[in-house]
Amino acid sequence: KLFSAQDPSEIRASASAHGFTDAEIT
C-alpha cells in the first residue's frame, strides 16, 4: 500500500525533506 501510493523516488524525496538519511530510506 505504501509503495502503491508513492513510488520509491517520491518517498525518498519526502523523507529526505523531513530529515531522514539516505541510509534510513535505503
PDB file of all heavy atoms in Angstrom:
ATOM      1  N   LYS A   1       0.829  -1.203   0.000  1.00  0.00           N
ATOM      2  CA  LYS A   1       0.000   0.000   0.000  1.00  0.00           C
ATOM      3  C   LYS A   1       0.872   1.265   0.000  1.00  0.00           C
ATOM      4  O   LYS A   1       0.595   2.239  -0.702  1.00  0.00           O
ATOM      5  CB  LYS A   1      -0.905   0.007   1.235  1.00  0.00           C
ATOM      6  CG  LYS A   1      -2.183  -0.801   1.121  1.00  0.00           C
ATOM      7  CD  LYS A   1      -2.977  -0.723   2.405  1.00  0.00           C
ATOM      8  CE  LYS A   1      -4.331  -1.384   2.265  1.00  0.00           C
ATOM      9  NZ  LYS A   1      -5.305  -0.542   1.539  1.00  0.00           N
ATOM     10  N   LEU A   2       1.940   1.221   0.796  1.00  0.00           N
ATOM     11  CA  LEU A   2       2.843   2.373   0.885  1.00  0.00           C
ATOM     12  C   LEU A   2       3.415   2.723  -0.480  1.00  0.00           C
ATOM     13  O   LEU A   2       3.384   3.887  -0.911  1.00  0.00           O
ATOM     14  CB  LEU A   2       3.968   2.060   1.874  1.00  0.00           C
ATOM     15  CG  LEU A   2       5.110   3.081   1.967  1.00  0.00           C
ATOM     16  CD1 LEU A   2       4.608   4.386   2.591  1.00  0.00           C
ATOM     17  CD2 LEU A   2       6.279   2.502   2.769  1.00  0.00           C
ATOM     18  N   PHE A   3       3.944   1.715  -1.192  1.00  0.00           N
ATOM     19  CA  PHE A   3       4.618   1.979  -2.468  1.00  0.00           C
ATOM     20  C   PHE A   3       3.634   2.093  -3.633  1.00  0.00           C
ATOM     21  O   PHE A   3       4.010   2.571  -4.702  1.00  0.00           O
ATOM     22  CB  PHE A   3       5.660   0.891  -2.732  1.00  0.00           C
ATOM     23  CG  PHE A   3       6.863   0.984  -1.832  1.00  0.00           C
ATOM     24  CD1 PHE A   3       7.025   0.115  -0.765  1.00  0.00           C
ATOM     25  CD2 PHE A   3       7.811   1.970  -2.032  1.00  0.00           C
ATOM     26  CE1 PHE A   3       8.118   0.212   0.073  1.00  0.00           C
ATOM     27  CE2 PHE A   3       8.914   2.083  -1.196  1.00  0.00           C
ATOM     28  CZ  PHE A   3       9.065   1.199  -0.137  1.00  0.00           C
ATOM     29  N   SER A   4       2.399   1.661  -3.441  1.00  0.00           N
ATOM     30  CA  SER A   4       1.371   1.897  -4.461  1.00  0.00           C
ATOM     31  C   SER A   4       0.922   3.349  -4.445  1.00  0.00           C
ATOM     32  O   SER A   4       0.557   3.923  -5.475  1.00  0.00           O
ATOM     33  CB  SER A   4       0.166   0.978  -4.216  1.00  0.00           C
ATOM     34  OG  SER A   4       0.507  -0.376  -4.398  1.00  0.00           O
ATOM     35  N   ALA A   5       0.950   3.959  -3.244  1.00  0.00           N
ATOM     36  CA  ALA A   5       0.529   5.358  -3.117  1.00  0.00           C
ATOM     37  C   ALA A   5       1.608   6.321  -3.605  1.00  0.00           C
ATOM     38  O   ALA A   5       1.301   7.379  -4.167  1.00  0.00           O
ATOM     39  CB  ALA A   5       0.172   5.658  -1.663  1.00  0.00           C
ATOM     40  N   GLN A   6       2.870   5.962  -3.372  1.00  0.00           N
ATOM     41  CA  GLN A   6       4.003   6.781  -3.819  1.00  0.00           C
ATOM     42  C   GLN A   6       5.120   5.850  -4.265  1.00  0.00           C
ATOM     43  O   GLN A   6       5.426   4.865  -3.571  1.00  0.00           O
ATOM     44  CB  GLN A   6       4.524   7.658  -2.675  1.00  0.00           C
ATOM     45  CG  GLN A   6       3.602   8.765  -2.215  1.00  0.00           C
ATOM     46  CD  GLN A   6       4.214   9.537  -1.062  1.00  0.00           C
ATOM     47  OE1 GLN A   6       4.435   8.984   0.014  1.00  0.00           O
ATOM     48  NE2 GLN A   6       4.494  10.824  -1.291  1.00  0.00           N
ATOM     49  N   ASP A   7       5.743   6.143  -5.396  1.00  0.00           N
ATOM     50  CA  ASP A   7       6.844   5.297  -5.827  1.00  0.00           C
ATOM     51  C   ASP A   7       8.088   5.615  -4.986  1.00  0.00           C
ATOM     52  O   ASP A   7       8.121   6.608  -4.248  1.00  0.00           O
ATOM     53  CB  ASP A   7       7.105   5.427  -7.333  1.00  0.00           C
ATOM     54  CG  ASP A   7       7.626   6.800  -7.746  1.00  0.00           C
ATOM     55  OD1 ASP A   7       8.345   7.446  -6.947  1.00  0.00           O
ATOM     56  OD2 ASP A   7       7.343   7.219  -8.873  1.00  0.00           O
ATOM     57  N   PRO A   8       9.134   4.788  -5.054  1.00  0.00           N
ATOM     58  CA  PRO A   8      10.307   4.990  -4.200  1.00  0.00           C
ATOM     59  C   PRO A   8      10.939   6.372  -4.316  1.00  0.00           C
ATOM     60  O   PRO A   8      11.390   6.937  -3.309  1.00  0.00           O
ATOM     61  CB  PRO A   8      11.265   3.889  -4.674  1.00  0.00           C
ATOM     62  CG  PRO A   8      10.360   2.790  -5.127  1.00  0.00           C
ATOM     63  CD  PRO A   8       9.207   3.497  -5.777  1.00  0.00           C
ATOM     64  N   SER A   9      10.962   6.942  -5.513  1.00  0.00           N
ATOM     65  CA  SER A   9      11.590   8.262  -5.659  1.00  0.00           C
ATOM     66  C   SER A   9      10.798   9.324  -4.903  1.00  0.00           C
ATOM     67  O   SER A   9      11.383  10.243  -4.292  1.00  0.00           O
ATOM     68  CB  SER A   9      11.711   8.635  -7.140  1.00  0.00           C
ATOM     69  OG  SER A   9      10.431   8.742  -7.740  1.00  0.00           O
ATOM     70  N   GLU A  10       9.475   9.224  -4.922  1.00  0.00           N
ATOM     71  CA  GLU A  10       8.641  10.184  -4.192  1.00  0.00           C
ATOM     72  C   GLU A  10       8.811  10.016  -2.680  1.00  0.00           C
ATOM     73  O   GLU A  10       8.880  11.004  -1.935  1.00  0.00           O
ATOM     74  CB  GLU A  10       7.176  10.001  -4.587  1.00  0.00           C
ATOM     75  CG  GLU A  10       6.878  10.390  -6.026  1.00  0.00           C
ATOM     76  CD  GLU A  10       5.470  10.014  -6.448  1.00  0.00           C
ATOM     77  OE1 GLU A  10       4.998   8.916  -6.074  1.00  0.00           O
ATOM     78  OE2 GLU A  10       4.831  10.826  -7.145  1.00  0.00           O
ATOM     79  N   ILE A  11       8.886   8.768  -2.229  1.00  0.00           N
ATOM     80  CA  ILE A  11       9.077   8.515  -0.804  1.00  0.00           C
ATOM     81  C   ILE A  11      10.442   9.023  -0.360  1.00  0.00           C
ATOM     82  O   ILE A  11      10.583   9.642   0.704  1.00  0.00           O
ATOM     83  CB  ILE A  11       8.909   7.010  -0.502  1.00  0.00           C
ATOM     84  CG1 ILE A  11       7.447   6.605  -0.692  1.00  0.00           C
ATOM     85  CG2 ILE A  11       9.386   6.677   0.915  1.00  0.00           C
ATOM     86  CD1 ILE A  11       7.180   5.121  -0.551  1.00  0.00           C
ATOM     87  N   ARG A  12      11.461   8.796  -1.181  1.00  0.00           N
ATOM     88  CA  ARG A  12      12.803   9.266  -0.834  1.00  0.00           C
ATOM     89  C   ARG A  12      12.835  10.796  -0.734  1.00  0.00           C
ATOM     90  O   ARG A  12      13.424  11.356   0.209  1.00  0.00           O
ATOM     91  CB  ARG A  12      13.822   8.778  -1.871  1.00  0.00           C
ATOM     92  CG  ARG A  12      15.280   9.082  -1.486  1.00  0.00           C
ATOM     93  CD  ARG A  12      16.243   8.561  -2.536  1.00  0.00           C
ATOM     94  NE  ARG A  12      16.307   7.110  -2.586  1.00  0.00           N
ATOM     95  CZ  ARG A  12      17.068   6.365  -1.784  1.00  0.00           C
ATOM     96  NH1 ARG A  12      17.802   6.939  -0.838  1.00  0.00           N
ATOM     97  NH2 ARG A  12      17.076   5.058  -1.918  1.00  0.00           N
ATOM     98  N   ALA A  13      12.193  11.465  -1.677  1.00  0.00           N
ATOM     99  CA  ALA A  13      12.187  12.931  -1.666  1.00  0.00           C
ATOM    100  C   ALA A  13      11.460  13.462  -0.434  1.00  0.00           C
ATOM    101  O   ALA A  13      11.930  14.389   0.244  1.00  0.00           O
ATOM    102  CB  ALA A  13      11.535  13.458  -2.939  1.00  0.00           C
ATOM    103  N   SER A  14      10.310  12.867  -0.127  1.00  0.00           N
ATOM    104  CA  SER A  14       9.529  13.311   1.033  1.00  0.00           C
ATOM    105  C   SER A  14      10.288  13.067   2.331  1.00  0.00           C
ATOM    106  O   SER A  14      10.364  13.950   3.197  1.00  0.00           O
ATOM    107  CB  SER A  14       8.187  12.584   1.059  1.00  0.00           C
ATOM    108  OG  SER A  14       7.475  12.870   2.243  1.00  0.00           O
ATOM    109  N   ALA A  15      10.876  11.852   2.464  1.00  0.00           N
ATOM    110  CA  ALA A  15      11.598  11.512   3.690  1.00  0.00           C
ATOM    111  C   ALA A  15      12.849  12.382   3.850  1.00  0.00           C
ATOM    112  O   ALA A  15      13.175  12.831   4.961  1.00  0.00           O
ATOM    113  CB  ALA A  15      11.966  10.027   3.684  1.00  0.00           C
ATOM    114  N   SER A  16      13.548  12.622   2.751  1.00  0.00           N
ATOM    115  CA  SER A  16      14.757  13.460   2.812  1.00  0.00           C
ATOM    116  C   SER A  16      14.409  14.868   3.273  1.00  0.00           C
ATOM    117  O   SER A  16      15.144  15.486   4.060  1.00  0.00           O
ATOM    118  CB  SER A  16      15.437  13.513   1.441  1.00  0.00           C
ATOM    119  OG  SER A  16      15.900  12.244   1.057  1.00  0.00           O
ATOM    120  N   ALA A  17      13.287  15.378   2.798  1.00  0.00           N
ATOM    121  CA  ALA A  17      12.865  16.722   3.184  1.00  0.00           C
ATOM    122  C   ALA A  17      12.519  16.813   4.667  1.00  0.00           C
ATOM    123  O   ALA A  17      12.499  17.908   5.239  1.00  0.00           O
ATOM    124  CB  ALA A  17      11.657  17.143   2.348  1.00  0.00           C
ATOM    125  N   HIS A  18      12.244  15.667   5.290  1.00  0.00           N
ATOM    126  CA  HIS A  18      11.906  15.634   6.707  1.00  0.00           C
ATOM    127  C   HIS A  18      13.054  15.105   7.555  1.00  0.00           C
ATOM    128  O   HIS A  18      12.844  14.641   8.682  1.00  0.00           O
ATOM    129  CB  HIS A  18      10.650  14.785   6.932  1.00  0.00           C
ATOM    130  CG  HIS A  18       9.391  15.460   6.484  1.00  0.00           C
ATOM    131  ND1 HIS A  18       8.995  15.480   5.162  1.00  0.00           N
ATOM    132  CD2 HIS A  18       8.440  16.171   7.176  1.00  0.00           C
ATOM    133  CE1 HIS A  18       7.855  16.139   5.060  1.00  0.00           C
ATOM    134  NE2 HIS A  18       7.493  16.573   6.269  1.00  0.00           N
ATOM    135  N   GLY A  19      14.262  15.151   7.015  1.00  0.00           N
ATOM    136  CA  GLY A  19      15.434  14.870   7.828  1.00  0.00           C
ATOM    137  C   GLY A  19      15.895  13.427   7.894  1.00  0.00           C
ATOM    138  O   GLY A  19      16.784  13.094   8.687  1.00  0.00           O
ATOM    139  N   PHE A  20      15.349  12.564   7.056  1.00  0.00           N
ATOM    140  CA  PHE A  20      15.788  11.168   7.060  1.00  0.00           C
ATOM    141  C   PHE A  20      17.059  11.024   6.221  1.00  0.00           C
ATOM    142  O   PHE A  20      17.201  11.662   5.170  1.00  0.00           O
ATOM    143  CB  PHE A  20      14.689  10.250   6.505  1.00  0.00           C
ATOM    144  CG  PHE A  20      13.552  10.041   7.470  1.00  0.00           C
ATOM    145  CD1 PHE A  20      12.497  10.934   7.527  1.00  0.00           C
ATOM    146  CD2 PHE A  20      13.554   8.963   8.334  1.00  0.00           C
ATOM    147  CE1 PHE A  20      11.457  10.764   8.417  1.00  0.00           C
ATOM    148  CE2 PHE A  20      12.513   8.776   9.232  1.00  0.00           C
ATOM    149  CZ  PHE A  20      11.461   9.676   9.276  1.00  0.00           C
ATOM    150  N   THR A  21      17.959  10.178   6.690  1.00  0.00           N
ATOM    151  CA  THR A  21      19.208   9.955   5.960  1.00  0.00           C
ATOM    152  C   THR A  21      18.973   9.024   4.784  1.00  0.00           C
ATOM    153  O   THR A  21      17.995   8.267   4.746  1.00  0.00           O
ATOM    154  CB  THR A  21      20.275   9.345   6.882  1.00  0.00           C
ATOM    155  OG1 THR A  21      19.870   8.018   7.248  1.00  0.00           O
ATOM    156  CG2 THR A  21      20.483  10.185   8.129  1.00  0.00           C
ATOM    157  N   ASP A  22      19.905   9.063   3.850  1.00  0.00           N
ATOM    158  CA  ASP A  22      19.829   8.167   2.703  1.00  0.00           C
ATOM    159  C   ASP A  22      19.884   6.712   3.154  1.00  0.00           C
ATOM    160  O   ASP A  22      19.200   5.851   2.596  1.00  0.00           O
ATOM    161  CB  ASP A  22      20.976   8.465   1.735  1.00  0.00           C
ATOM    162  CG  ASP A  22      20.856   7.685   0.442  1.00  0.00           C
ATOM    163  OD1 ASP A  22      19.897   7.935  -0.314  1.00  0.00           O
ATOM    164  OD2 ASP A  22      21.707   6.800   0.197  1.00  0.00           O
ATOM    165  N   ALA A  23      20.685   6.415   4.189  1.00  0.00           N
ATOM    166  CA  ALA A  23      20.799   5.048   4.694  1.00  0.00           C
ATOM    167  C   ALA A  23      19.473   4.566   5.272  1.00  0.00           C
ATOM    168  O   ALA A  23      19.080   3.401   5.084  1.00  0.00           O
ATOM    169  CB  ALA A  23      21.900   4.958   5.749  1.00  0.00           C
ATOM    170  N   GLU A  24      18.764   5.421   5.981  1.00  0.00           N
ATOM    171  CA  GLU A  24      17.475   5.025   6.557  1.00  0.00           C
ATOM    172  C   GLU A  24      16.470   4.698   5.454  1.00  0.00           C
ATOM    173  O   GLU A  24      15.750   3.682   5.524  1.00  0.00           O
ATOM    174  CB  GLU A  24      16.934   6.147   7.438  1.00  0.00           C
ATOM    175  CG  GLU A  24      17.651   6.312   8.758  1.00  0.00           C
ATOM    176  CD  GLU A  24      17.111   7.481   9.564  1.00  0.00           C
ATOM    177  OE1 GLU A  24      16.949   8.590   8.980  1.00  0.00           O
ATOM    178  OE2 GLU A  24      16.850   7.300  10.768  1.00  0.00           O
ATOM    179  N   ILE A  25      16.426   5.537   4.436  1.00  0.00           N
ATOM    180  CA  ILE A  25      15.457   5.324   3.351  1.00  0.00           C
ATOM    181  C   ILE A  25      15.801   4.057   2.569  1.00  0.00           C
ATOM    182  O   ILE A  25      14.928   3.235   2.266  1.00  0.00           O
ATOM    183  CB  ILE A  25      15.427   6.548   2.412  1.00  0.00           C
ATOM    184  CG1 ILE A  25      15.105   7.813   3.213  1.00  0.00           C
ATOM    185  CG2 ILE A  25      14.399   6.348   1.311  1.00  0.00           C
ATOM    186  CD1 ILE A  25      15.421   9.102   2.479  1.00  0.00           C
ATOM    187  N   THR A  26      17.087   3.909   2.257  1.00  0.00           N
ATOM    188  CA  THR A  26      17.513   2.701   1.542  1.00  0.00           C
ATOM    189  C   THR A  26      17.235   1.459   2.381  1.00  0.00           C
ATOM    190  O   THR A  26      16.845   0.409   1.849  1.00  0.00           O
ATOM    191  CB  THR A  26      19.005   2.787   1.186  1.00  0.00           C
ATOM    192  OG1 THR A  26      19.229   3.942   0.374  1.00  0.00           O
ATOM    193  CG2 THR A  26      19.455   1.547   0.429  1.00  0.00           C
TER     194      THR A  26
END
